[in-house]
Amino acid sequence: MKIAPVILLTCCLGIVSALIWASVTAESTAGLAKEHAVHAAMQTSGGMQRDLGVWVQGVAVGVFTLIGAGACFSMGVKRIAIRDIAIATVLSLIAFVGMMVAYRGYAGMDTHLVSGWFPSPTNWQFFGVGLFQAAFVVVWVVGFRRWVFCTADQAKFDAIMERSRVDASGKVSE
């Protein structure tokens, strides 16, 4: 894909911009510690509300990273692979944004509910992001021979290797 380097450069600039934006965002950590519910002499960290101050920047970095990864995967492959890589990238984006939205809701609550086996953001991390990335790798490995180096390419490579065995006198070396 000829536009992939432009997409990758744009994503890198977007990541740097989001990180600079996050670094200048005012964040207060004062007063977040709370008394532990059972042990009165112990203090807890006070929740995850402080993470919400840089949530948008975190989403931006994640989205730019996933789009950049999709662009990297699409470099040097045949046209047939672009659609599959784009679908996998979109599914990864959906899973990531779903995880971040779940985390935003989770961090904003005082009481944390557990859905399924884990809290909601962990479910998204494991079942959404983790499984989509594993599927992405499986699709890449299965499609590699068809997308990057097919049977016709192997035949061309073998012919080049056969020609390279010819010595200066024109005889094929054993």
N, C-alpha and C. Protein backbone atom coordinates (compact mmCIF):
# COMPACT_ATOMS: atom_id res chain seq x y z
N MET A 1 0.85 -1.16 0.00
CA MET A 1 0.00 0.00 0.00
C MET A 1 0.90 1.23 0.00
N LYS A 2 0.72 2.08 -0.98
CA LYS A 2 1.60 3.23 -1.14
C LYS A 2 1.35 4.33 -0.12
N ILE A 3 0.17 4.38 0.44
CA ILE A 3 -0.15 5.43 1.41
C ILE A 3 0.25 5.03 2.83
N ALA A 4 0.64 3.78 3.03
CA ALA A 4 0.97 3.28 4.37
C ALA A 4 2.06 4.10 5.06
N PRO A 5 3.16 4.49 4.38
CA PRO A 5 4.16 5.31 5.08
C PRO A 5 3.61 6.66 5.55
N VAL A 6 2.72 7.25 4.76
CA VAL A 6 2.11 8.52 5.16
C VAL A 6 1.22 8.31 6.39
N ILE A 7 0.45 7.22 6.39
CA ILE A 7 -0.40 6.90 7.54
C ILE A 7 0.47 6.67 8.77
N LEU A 8 1.54 5.92 8.61
CA LEU A 8 2.44 5.63 9.73
C LEU A 8 3.07 6.91 10.28
N LEU A 9 3.54 7.78 9.40
CA LEU A 9 4.12 9.05 9.85
C LEU A 9 3.09 9.91 10.57
N THR A 10 1.87 9.96 10.03
CA THR A 10 0.80 10.72 10.67
C THR A 10 0.49 10.16 12.06
N CYS A 11 0.44 8.83 12.17
CA CYS A 11 0.18 8.21 13.47
C CYS A 11 1.30 8.51 14.46
N CYS A 12 2.54 8.47 14.01
CA CYS A 12 3.66 8.80 14.91
C CYS A 12 3.56 10.23 15.40
N LEU A 13 3.24 11.15 14.49
CA LEU A 13 3.07 12.55 14.90
C LEU A 13 1.88 12.70 15.84
N GLY A 14 0.81 11.94 15.59
CA GLY A 14 -0.35 11.97 16.48
C GLY A 14 -0.02 11.47 17.88
N ILE A 15 0.78 10.40 17.96
CA ILE A 15 1.18 9.86 19.26
C ILE A 15 2.02 10.88 20.02
N VAL A 16 2.99 11.48 19.34
CA VAL A 16 3.83 12.49 20.00
C VAL A 16 2.97 13.66 20.46
N SER A 17 2.04 14.11 19.62
CA SER A 17 1.16 15.22 20.00
C SER A 17 0.31 14.87 21.21
N ALA A 18 -0.25 13.65 21.23
CA ALA A 18 -1.08 13.24 22.36
C ALA A 18 -0.26 13.14 23.64
N LEU A 19 0.97 12.67 23.54
CA LEU A 19 1.82 12.59 24.73
C LEU A 19 2.20 13.98 25.24
N ILE A 20 2.47 14.91 24.33
CA ILE A 20 2.75 16.29 24.75
C ILE A 20 1.50 16.89 25.39
N TRP A 21 0.34 16.65 24.78
CA TRP A 21 -0.93 17.14 25.32
C TRP A 21 -1.15 16.60 26.73
N ALA A 22 -0.89 15.30 26.92
CA ALA A 22 -1.07 14.70 28.25
C ALA A 22 -0.08 15.27 29.26
N SER A 23 1.11 15.62 28.80
CA SER A 23 2.11 16.13 29.75
C SER A 23 1.81 17.54 30.22
N VAL A 24 1.06 18.31 29.46
CA VAL A 24 0.73 19.67 29.89
C VAL A 24 -0.65 19.75 30.52
N THR A 25 -1.38 18.63 30.56
CA THR A 25 -2.69 18.60 31.19
C THR A 25 -2.53 18.66 32.70
N ALA A 26 -3.25 19.56 33.32
CA ALA A 26 -3.18 19.69 34.78
C ALA A 26 -3.80 18.46 35.42
N GLU A 27 -3.11 17.91 36.39
CA GLU A 27 -3.60 16.72 37.08
C GLU A 27 -3.35 16.90 38.57
N SER A 28 -4.38 16.66 39.35
CA SER A 28 -4.26 16.81 40.80
C SER A 28 -4.34 15.44 41.45
N THR A 29 -3.39 15.16 42.30
CA THR A 29 -3.41 13.91 43.05
C THR A 29 -3.64 14.15 44.53
N ALA A 30 -3.83 15.40 44.90
CA ALA A 30 -4.01 15.73 46.31
C ALA A 30 -5.37 15.25 46.80
N GLY A 31 -5.39 14.67 47.97
CA GLY A 31 -6.64 14.28 48.60
C GLY A 31 -7.28 13.03 48.06
N LEU A 32 -6.56 12.23 47.28
CA LEU A 32 -7.17 11.02 46.73
C LEU A 32 -7.11 9.85 47.71
N ALA A 33 -6.22 9.88 48.68
CA ALA A 33 -6.11 8.78 49.63
C ALA A 33 -7.33 8.77 50.55
N LYS A 34 -7.81 7.55 50.82
CA LYS A 34 -8.97 7.37 51.70
C LYS A 34 -8.61 6.37 52.78
N GLU A 35 -9.39 6.41 53.83
CA GLU A 35 -9.21 5.44 54.90
C GLU A 35 -9.74 4.09 54.42
N HIS A 36 -9.00 3.03 54.73
CA HIS A 36 -9.40 1.68 54.34
C HIS A 36 -10.70 1.30 55.05
N ALA A 37 -11.56 0.55 54.38
CA ALA A 37 -12.87 0.20 54.93
C ALA A 37 -12.77 -0.71 56.15
N VAL A 38 -11.76 -1.57 56.24
CA VAL A 38 -11.64 -2.52 57.34
C VAL A 38 -10.58 -2.08 58.34
N HIS A 39 -9.43 -1.67 57.86
CA HIS A 39 -8.31 -1.30 58.72
C HIS A 39 -8.20 0.22 58.77
N ALA A 40 -8.65 0.81 59.87
CA ALA A 40 -8.74 2.26 59.99
C ALA A 40 -7.38 2.95 59.94
N ALA A 41 -6.32 2.26 60.34
CA ALA A 41 -5.00 2.88 60.34
C ALA A 41 -4.35 2.87 58.95
N MET A 42 -5.01 2.22 58.00
CA MET A 42 -4.42 2.07 56.66
C MET A 42 -5.10 3.02 55.68
N GLN A 43 -4.32 3.56 54.75
CA GLN A 43 -4.85 4.43 53.70
C GLN A 43 -4.85 3.68 52.37
N THR A 44 -5.85 3.93 51.56
CA THR A 44 -5.89 3.35 50.22
C THR A 44 -5.57 4.45 49.21
N SER A 45 -5.34 4.05 47.98
CA SER A 45 -4.90 5.01 46.97
C SER A 45 -6.00 5.98 46.55
N GLY A 46 -7.22 5.70 46.84
CA GLY A 46 -8.27 6.67 46.58
C GLY A 46 -8.94 6.56 45.23
N GLY A 47 -8.82 5.48 44.55
CA GLY A 47 -9.56 5.29 43.31
C GLY A 47 -8.78 5.67 42.06
N MET A 48 -9.45 5.53 40.96
CA MET A 48 -8.81 5.75 39.67
C MET A 48 -9.31 7.01 38.99
N GLN A 49 -9.97 7.89 39.71
CA GLN A 49 -10.50 9.10 39.10
C GLN A 49 -9.39 9.95 38.48
N ARG A 50 -8.19 9.87 39.03
CA ARG A 50 -7.08 10.66 38.47
C ARG A 50 -6.76 10.24 37.04
N ASP A 51 -7.04 8.97 36.70
CA ASP A 51 -6.78 8.50 35.34
C ASP A 51 -7.69 9.16 34.32
N LEU A 52 -8.86 9.60 34.76
CA LEU A 52 -9.80 10.21 33.83
C LEU A 52 -9.30 11.54 33.28
N GLY A 53 -8.34 12.16 33.96
CA GLY A 53 -7.78 13.42 33.48
C GLY A 53 -7.00 13.29 32.19
N VAL A 54 -6.46 12.12 31.93
CA VAL A 54 -5.70 11.89 30.70
C VAL A 54 -6.31 10.76 29.87
N TRP A 55 -7.60 10.50 30.07
CA TRP A 55 -8.27 9.41 29.36
C TRP A 55 -8.30 9.66 27.86
N VAL A 56 -8.65 10.85 27.45
CA VAL A 56 -8.76 11.17 26.02
C VAL A 56 -7.40 11.00 25.34
N GLN A 57 -6.35 11.45 25.98
CA GLN A 57 -5.02 11.31 25.41
C GLN A 57 -4.62 9.83 25.32
N GLY A 58 -5.00 9.05 26.31
CA GLY A 58 -4.73 7.61 26.27
C GLY A 58 -5.44 6.93 25.13
N VAL A 59 -6.69 7.31 24.90
CA VAL A 59 -7.44 6.76 23.77
C VAL A 59 -6.76 7.16 22.46
N ALA A 60 -6.34 8.41 22.36
CA ALA A 60 -5.69 8.88 21.14
C ALA A 60 -4.41 8.09 20.86
N VAL A 61 -3.59 7.89 21.89
CA VAL A 61 -2.35 7.13 21.70
C VAL A 61 -2.66 5.70 21.26
N GLY A 62 -3.64 5.06 21.89
CA GLY A 62 -4.00 3.69 21.51
C GLY A 62 -4.53 3.59 20.09
N VAL A 63 -5.39 4.52 19.71
CA VAL A 63 -5.96 4.49 18.35
C VAL A 63 -4.86 4.73 17.32
N PHE A 64 -4.01 5.72 17.55
CA PHE A 64 -2.91 5.97 16.61
C PHE A 64 -1.96 4.77 16.53
N THR A 65 -1.72 4.11 17.66
CA THR A 65 -0.84 2.94 17.66
C THR A 65 -1.44 1.80 16.85
N LEU A 66 -2.73 1.54 17.02
CA LEU A 66 -3.36 0.45 16.27
C LEU A 66 -3.43 0.76 14.77
N ILE A 67 -3.75 1.99 14.42
CA ILE A 67 -3.78 2.36 13.00
C ILE A 67 -2.37 2.27 12.41
N GLY A 68 -1.37 2.72 13.16
CA GLY A 68 0.01 2.60 12.70
C GLY A 68 0.44 1.15 12.53
N ALA A 69 0.01 0.28 13.44
CA ALA A 69 0.32 -1.15 13.31
C ALA A 69 -0.32 -1.73 12.06
N GLY A 70 -1.58 -1.36 11.80
CA GLY A 70 -2.23 -1.82 10.57
C GLY A 70 -1.51 -1.33 9.33
N ALA A 71 -1.05 -0.08 9.36
CA ALA A 71 -0.29 0.46 8.22
C ALA A 71 1.03 -0.29 8.04
N CYS A 72 1.71 -0.60 9.15
CA CYS A 72 2.97 -1.36 9.06
C CYS A 72 2.74 -2.74 8.47
N PHE A 73 1.68 -3.41 8.92
CA PHE A 73 1.38 -4.73 8.39
C PHE A 73 1.04 -4.68 6.90
N SER A 74 0.48 -3.57 6.43
CA SER A 74 0.07 -3.50 5.03
C SER A 74 1.21 -3.12 4.09
N MET A 75 2.37 -2.78 4.63
CA MET A 75 3.51 -2.46 3.77
C MET A 75 4.13 -3.73 3.22
N GLY A 76 4.35 -3.76 1.93
CA GLY A 76 5.04 -4.87 1.30
C GLY A 76 4.19 -6.10 1.05
N VAL A 77 2.89 -6.01 1.25
CA VAL A 77 2.03 -7.17 0.97
C VAL A 77 1.28 -6.94 -0.33
N LYS A 78 0.74 -8.02 -0.86
CA LYS A 78 -0.03 -7.91 -2.09
C LYS A 78 -1.38 -7.29 -1.80
N ARG A 79 -2.03 -6.82 -2.86
CA ARG A 79 -3.31 -6.12 -2.71
C ARG A 79 -4.37 -6.96 -2.01
N ILE A 80 -4.31 -8.25 -2.19
CA ILE A 80 -5.32 -9.14 -1.61
C ILE A 80 -5.33 -9.06 -0.08
N ALA A 81 -4.21 -8.71 0.51
CA ALA A 81 -4.10 -8.70 1.97
C ALA A 81 -4.64 -7.43 2.60
N ILE A 82 -4.74 -6.36 1.86
CA ILE A 82 -5.11 -5.07 2.43
C ILE A 82 -6.49 -5.13 3.09
N ARG A 83 -7.44 -5.79 2.45
CA ARG A 83 -8.80 -5.87 3.01
C ARG A 83 -8.79 -6.62 4.34
N ASP A 84 -8.12 -7.75 4.39
CA ASP A 84 -8.08 -8.54 5.63
C ASP A 84 -7.36 -7.78 6.75
N ILE A 85 -6.29 -7.10 6.42
CA ILE A 85 -5.56 -6.32 7.43
C ILE A 85 -6.41 -5.16 7.91
N ALA A 86 -7.14 -4.52 6.98
CA ALA A 86 -8.02 -3.41 7.38
C ALA A 86 -9.13 -3.89 8.30
N ILE A 87 -9.72 -5.05 8.00
CA ILE A 87 -10.78 -5.61 8.87
C ILE A 87 -10.21 -5.92 10.25
N ALA A 88 -9.04 -6.54 10.30
CA ALA A 88 -8.43 -6.86 11.59
C ALA A 88 -8.10 -5.59 12.37
N THR A 89 -7.66 -4.55 11.68
CA THR A 89 -7.34 -3.29 12.35
C THR A 89 -8.60 -2.65 12.92
N VAL A 90 -9.69 -2.67 12.14
CA VAL A 90 -10.95 -2.09 12.62
C VAL A 90 -11.48 -2.87 13.82
N LEU A 91 -11.40 -4.20 13.78
CA LEU A 91 -11.84 -5.01 14.93
C LEU A 91 -10.99 -4.71 16.16
N SER A 92 -9.69 -4.53 15.97
CA SER A 92 -8.82 -4.17 17.09
C SER A 92 -9.18 -2.81 17.65
N LEU A 93 -9.50 -1.86 16.77
CA LEU A 93 -9.92 -0.53 17.23
C LEU A 93 -11.21 -0.59 18.02
N ILE A 94 -12.17 -1.40 17.56
CA ILE A 94 -13.44 -1.54 18.28
C ILE A 94 -13.19 -2.11 19.67
N ALA A 95 -12.36 -3.15 19.74
CA ALA A 95 -12.07 -3.77 21.04
C ALA A 95 -11.35 -2.79 21.96
N PHE A 96 -10.40 -2.04 21.43
CA PHE A 96 -9.65 -1.09 22.26
C PHE A 96 -10.54 0.03 22.77
N VAL A 97 -11.34 0.62 21.89
CA VAL A 97 -12.23 1.71 22.31
C VAL A 97 -13.26 1.18 23.31
N GLY A 98 -13.77 -0.04 23.10
CA GLY A 98 -14.68 -0.64 24.07
C GLY A 98 -14.04 -0.81 25.43
N MET A 99 -12.78 -1.24 25.44
CA MET A 99 -12.07 -1.39 26.70
C MET A 99 -11.89 -0.04 27.39
N MET A 100 -11.54 0.98 26.63
CA MET A 100 -11.32 2.30 27.22
C MET A 100 -12.61 2.92 27.73
N VAL A 101 -13.72 2.72 27.02
CA VAL A 101 -15.01 3.24 27.50
C VAL A 101 -15.41 2.51 28.78
N ALA A 102 -15.19 1.18 28.81
CA ALA A 102 -15.49 0.42 30.03
C ALA A 102 -14.61 0.90 31.19
N TYR A 103 -13.36 1.19 30.90
CA TYR A 103 -12.46 1.67 31.96
C TYR A 103 -12.90 3.04 32.47
N ARG A 104 -13.37 3.89 31.56
CA ARG A 104 -13.83 5.22 31.98
C ARG A 104 -15.02 5.10 32.93
N GLY A 105 -15.96 4.23 32.60
CA GLY A 105 -17.10 4.01 33.49
C GLY A 105 -16.68 3.39 34.81
N TYR A 106 -15.73 2.48 34.74
CA TYR A 106 -15.24 1.79 35.94
C TYR A 106 -14.49 2.75 36.86
N ALA A 107 -13.66 3.61 36.28
CA ALA A 107 -12.86 4.53 37.08
C ALA A 107 -13.72 5.62 37.71
N GLY A 108 -14.82 5.95 37.08
CA GLY A 108 -15.68 7.01 37.61
C GLY A 108 -16.58 6.57 38.74
N MET A 109 -16.72 5.27 38.96
CA MET A 109 -17.61 4.77 40.01
C MET A 109 -16.85 4.60 41.33
N ASP A 110 -17.57 4.77 42.42
CA ASP A 110 -16.98 4.50 43.73
C ASP A 110 -17.03 3.01 44.05
N THR A 111 -18.11 2.35 43.64
CA THR A 111 -18.26 0.92 43.86
C THR A 111 -18.00 0.21 42.54
N HIS A 112 -17.07 -0.73 42.54
CA HIS A 112 -16.69 -1.41 41.31
C HIS A 112 -17.40 -2.75 41.21
N LEU A 113 -18.16 -2.89 40.13
CA LEU A 113 -18.90 -4.12 39.90
C LEU A 113 -18.05 -5.09 39.09
N VAL A 114 -18.28 -6.35 39.32
CA VAL A 114 -17.59 -7.38 38.57
C VAL A 114 -18.60 -8.01 37.63
N SER A 115 -18.25 -8.05 36.34
CA SER A 115 -19.11 -8.70 35.35
C SER A 115 -18.34 -9.88 34.79
N GLY A 116 -18.95 -11.04 34.85
CA GLY A 116 -18.23 -12.22 34.42
C GLY A 116 -17.21 -12.59 35.48
N TRP A 117 -16.00 -12.87 35.06
CA TRP A 117 -14.96 -13.28 35.98
C TRP A 117 -14.18 -12.11 36.56
N PHE A 118 -14.11 -11.02 35.83
CA PHE A 118 -13.24 -9.91 36.20
C PHE A 118 -14.02 -8.60 36.16
N PRO A 119 -13.43 -7.50 36.63
CA PRO A 119 -14.02 -6.19 36.40
C PRO A 119 -14.10 -5.91 34.89
N SER A 120 -15.00 -5.04 34.51
CA SER A 120 -15.27 -4.79 33.09
C SER A 120 -14.03 -4.45 32.25
N PRO A 121 -13.15 -3.56 32.69
CA PRO A 121 -11.97 -3.27 31.85
C PRO A 121 -11.07 -4.48 31.64
N THR A 122 -10.97 -5.32 32.66
CA THR A 122 -10.15 -6.53 32.51
C THR A 122 -10.79 -7.49 31.53
N ASN A 123 -12.12 -7.61 31.55
CA ASN A 123 -12.81 -8.43 30.56
C ASN A 123 -12.51 -7.95 29.14
N TRP A 124 -12.58 -6.64 28.93
CA TRP A 124 -12.26 -6.09 27.61
C TRP A 124 -10.81 -6.36 27.24
N GLN A 125 -9.92 -6.22 28.21
CA GLN A 125 -8.50 -6.43 27.94
C GLN A 125 -8.24 -7.86 27.51
N PHE A 126 -8.83 -8.81 28.24
CA PHE A 126 -8.56 -10.21 27.94
C PHE A 126 -9.38 -10.71 26.76
N PHE A 127 -10.70 -10.56 26.84
CA PHE A 127 -11.57 -11.15 25.82
C PHE A 127 -11.66 -10.30 24.56
N GLY A 128 -11.51 -8.99 24.68
CA GLY A 128 -11.60 -8.14 23.51
C GLY A 128 -10.26 -7.91 22.86
N VAL A 129 -9.42 -7.17 23.53
CA VAL A 129 -8.14 -6.79 22.95
C VAL A 129 -7.24 -8.01 22.75
N GLY A 130 -7.11 -8.84 23.77
CA GLY A 130 -6.23 -10.01 23.67
C GLY A 130 -6.63 -10.99 22.60
N LEU A 131 -7.91 -11.34 22.54
CA LEU A 131 -8.36 -12.31 21.54
C LEU A 131 -8.33 -11.75 20.13
N PHE A 132 -8.67 -10.46 19.97
CA PHE A 132 -8.60 -9.87 18.63
C PHE A 132 -7.16 -9.83 18.14
N GLN A 133 -6.22 -9.51 19.02
CA GLN A 133 -4.82 -9.49 18.59
C GLN A 133 -4.33 -10.90 18.27
N ALA A 134 -4.76 -11.88 19.03
CA ALA A 134 -4.39 -13.27 18.72
C ALA A 134 -4.98 -13.68 17.37
N ALA A 135 -6.23 -13.31 17.11
CA ALA A 135 -6.85 -13.61 15.82
C ALA A 135 -6.11 -12.89 14.69
N PHE A 136 -5.68 -11.65 14.95
CA PHE A 136 -4.92 -10.89 13.95
C PHE A 136 -3.64 -11.62 13.59
N VAL A 137 -2.94 -12.14 14.58
CA VAL A 137 -1.69 -12.87 14.33
C VAL A 137 -1.98 -14.16 13.56
N VAL A 138 -3.04 -14.88 13.92
CA VAL A 138 -3.39 -16.12 13.22
C VAL A 138 -3.71 -15.82 11.76
N VAL A 139 -4.51 -14.79 11.51
CA VAL A 139 -4.84 -14.42 10.13
C VAL A 139 -3.58 -14.04 9.37
N TRP A 140 -2.67 -13.32 10.02
CA TRP A 140 -1.42 -12.93 9.36
C TRP A 140 -0.58 -14.16 9.02
N VAL A 141 -0.45 -15.09 9.93
CA VAL A 141 0.38 -16.28 9.69
C VAL A 141 -0.24 -17.14 8.59
N VAL A 142 -1.56 -17.33 8.64
CA VAL A 142 -2.23 -18.16 7.63
C VAL A 142 -2.15 -17.50 6.25
N GLY A 143 -2.33 -16.20 6.19
CA GLY A 143 -2.33 -15.52 4.91
C GLY A 143 -0.96 -15.14 4.38
N PHE A 144 0.08 -15.35 5.16
CA PHE A 144 1.41 -14.88 4.78
C PHE A 144 1.85 -15.41 3.43
N ARG A 145 1.71 -16.71 3.21
CA ARG A 145 2.17 -17.31 1.95
C ARG A 145 1.41 -16.73 0.76
N ARG A 146 0.14 -16.43 0.96
CA ARG A 146 -0.68 -15.90 -0.12
C ARG A 146 -0.42 -14.41 -0.33
N TRP A 147 -0.14 -13.69 0.74
CA TRP A 147 -0.02 -12.24 0.67
C TRP A 147 1.38 -11.77 0.33
N VAL A 148 2.38 -12.43 0.88
CA VAL A 148 3.74 -11.92 0.80
C VAL A 148 4.61 -12.74 -0.14
N PHE A 149 4.60 -14.04 0.00
CA PHE A 149 5.52 -14.90 -0.74
C PHE A 149 4.75 -16.13 -1.19
N CYS A 150 4.16 -16.09 -2.39
CA CYS A 150 3.30 -17.18 -2.86
C CYS A 150 4.12 -18.22 -3.63
N THR A 151 3.44 -19.23 -4.17
CA THR A 151 4.10 -20.32 -4.89
C THR A 151 4.81 -19.81 -6.13
N ALA A 152 4.19 -18.86 -6.84
CA ALA A 152 4.83 -18.29 -8.04
C ALA A 152 6.13 -17.58 -7.67
N ASP A 153 6.12 -16.88 -6.55
CA ASP A 153 7.34 -16.22 -6.09
C ASP A 153 8.42 -17.24 -5.75
N GLN A 154 8.02 -18.36 -5.16
CA GLN A 154 8.97 -19.42 -4.83
C GLN A 154 9.58 -19.99 -6.10
N ALA A 155 8.76 -20.17 -7.15
CA ALA A 155 9.27 -20.69 -8.42
C ALA A 155 10.27 -19.71 -9.04
N LYS A 156 9.98 -18.42 -8.99
CA LYS A 156 10.92 -17.41 -9.50
C LYS A 156 12.22 -17.45 -8.70
N PHE A 157 12.12 -17.59 -7.40
CA PHE A 157 13.31 -17.65 -6.56
C PHE A 157 14.15 -18.87 -6.90
N ASP A 158 13.48 -20.03 -7.09
CA ASP A 158 14.21 -21.25 -7.45
C ASP A 158 14.91 -21.10 -8.79
N ALA A 159 14.26 -20.42 -9.76
CA ALA A 159 14.88 -20.20 -11.07
C ALA A 159 16.11 -19.30 -10.94
N ILE A 160 16.02 -18.28 -10.13
CA ILE A 160 17.17 -17.40 -9.90
C ILE A 160 18.31 -18.18 -9.25
N MET A 161 17.99 -19.03 -8.29
CA MET A 161 19.02 -19.83 -7.63
C MET A 161 19.67 -20.80 -8.62
N GLU A 162 18.87 -21.36 -9.53
CA GLU A 162 19.41 -22.28 -10.53
C GLU A 162 20.36 -21.54 -11.47
N ARG A 163 19.98 -20.34 -11.90
CA ARG A 163 20.84 -19.55 -12.78
C ARG A 163 22.12 -19.13 -12.07
N SER A 164 22.05 -18.92 -10.77
CA SER A 164 23.24 -18.47 -10.04
C SER A 164 24.27 -19.58 -9.88
N ARG A 165 23.88 -20.80 -10.12
CA ARG A 165 24.81 -21.93 -10.00
C ARG A 165 25.64 -22.13 -11.27
N VAL A 166 25.35 -21.35 -12.30
CA VAL A 166 26.11 -21.46 -13.55
C VAL A 166 27.44 -20.74 -13.35
N ASP A 167 28.54 -21.46 -13.64
CA ASP A 167 29.84 -20.82 -13.45
C ASP A 167 30.25 -20.04 -14.71
N ALA A 168 31.44 -19.50 -14.74
CA ALA A 168 31.90 -18.62 -15.82
C ALA A 168 31.96 -19.34 -17.16
N SER A 169 32.21 -20.64 -17.18
CA SER A 169 32.30 -21.36 -18.45
C SER A 169 30.93 -21.74 -19.00
N GLY A 170 29.88 -21.44 -18.26
CA GLY A 170 28.54 -21.75 -18.75
C GLY A 170 28.00 -23.08 -18.26
N LYS A 171 28.79 -23.79 -17.47
CA LYS A 171 28.33 -25.08 -16.96
C LYS A 171 27.66 -24.88 -15.61
N VAL A 172 26.64 -25.70 -15.36
CA VAL A 172 25.93 -25.65 -14.09
C VAL A 172 26.75 -26.40 -13.05
N SER A 173 27.03 -25.74 -11.95
CA SER A 173 27.80 -26.39 -10.89
C SER A 173 26.89 -27.28 -10.06
N GLU A 174 27.46 -28.34 -9.54
CA GLU A 174 26.69 -29.31 -8.76
C GLU A 174 26.56 -28.86 -7.35
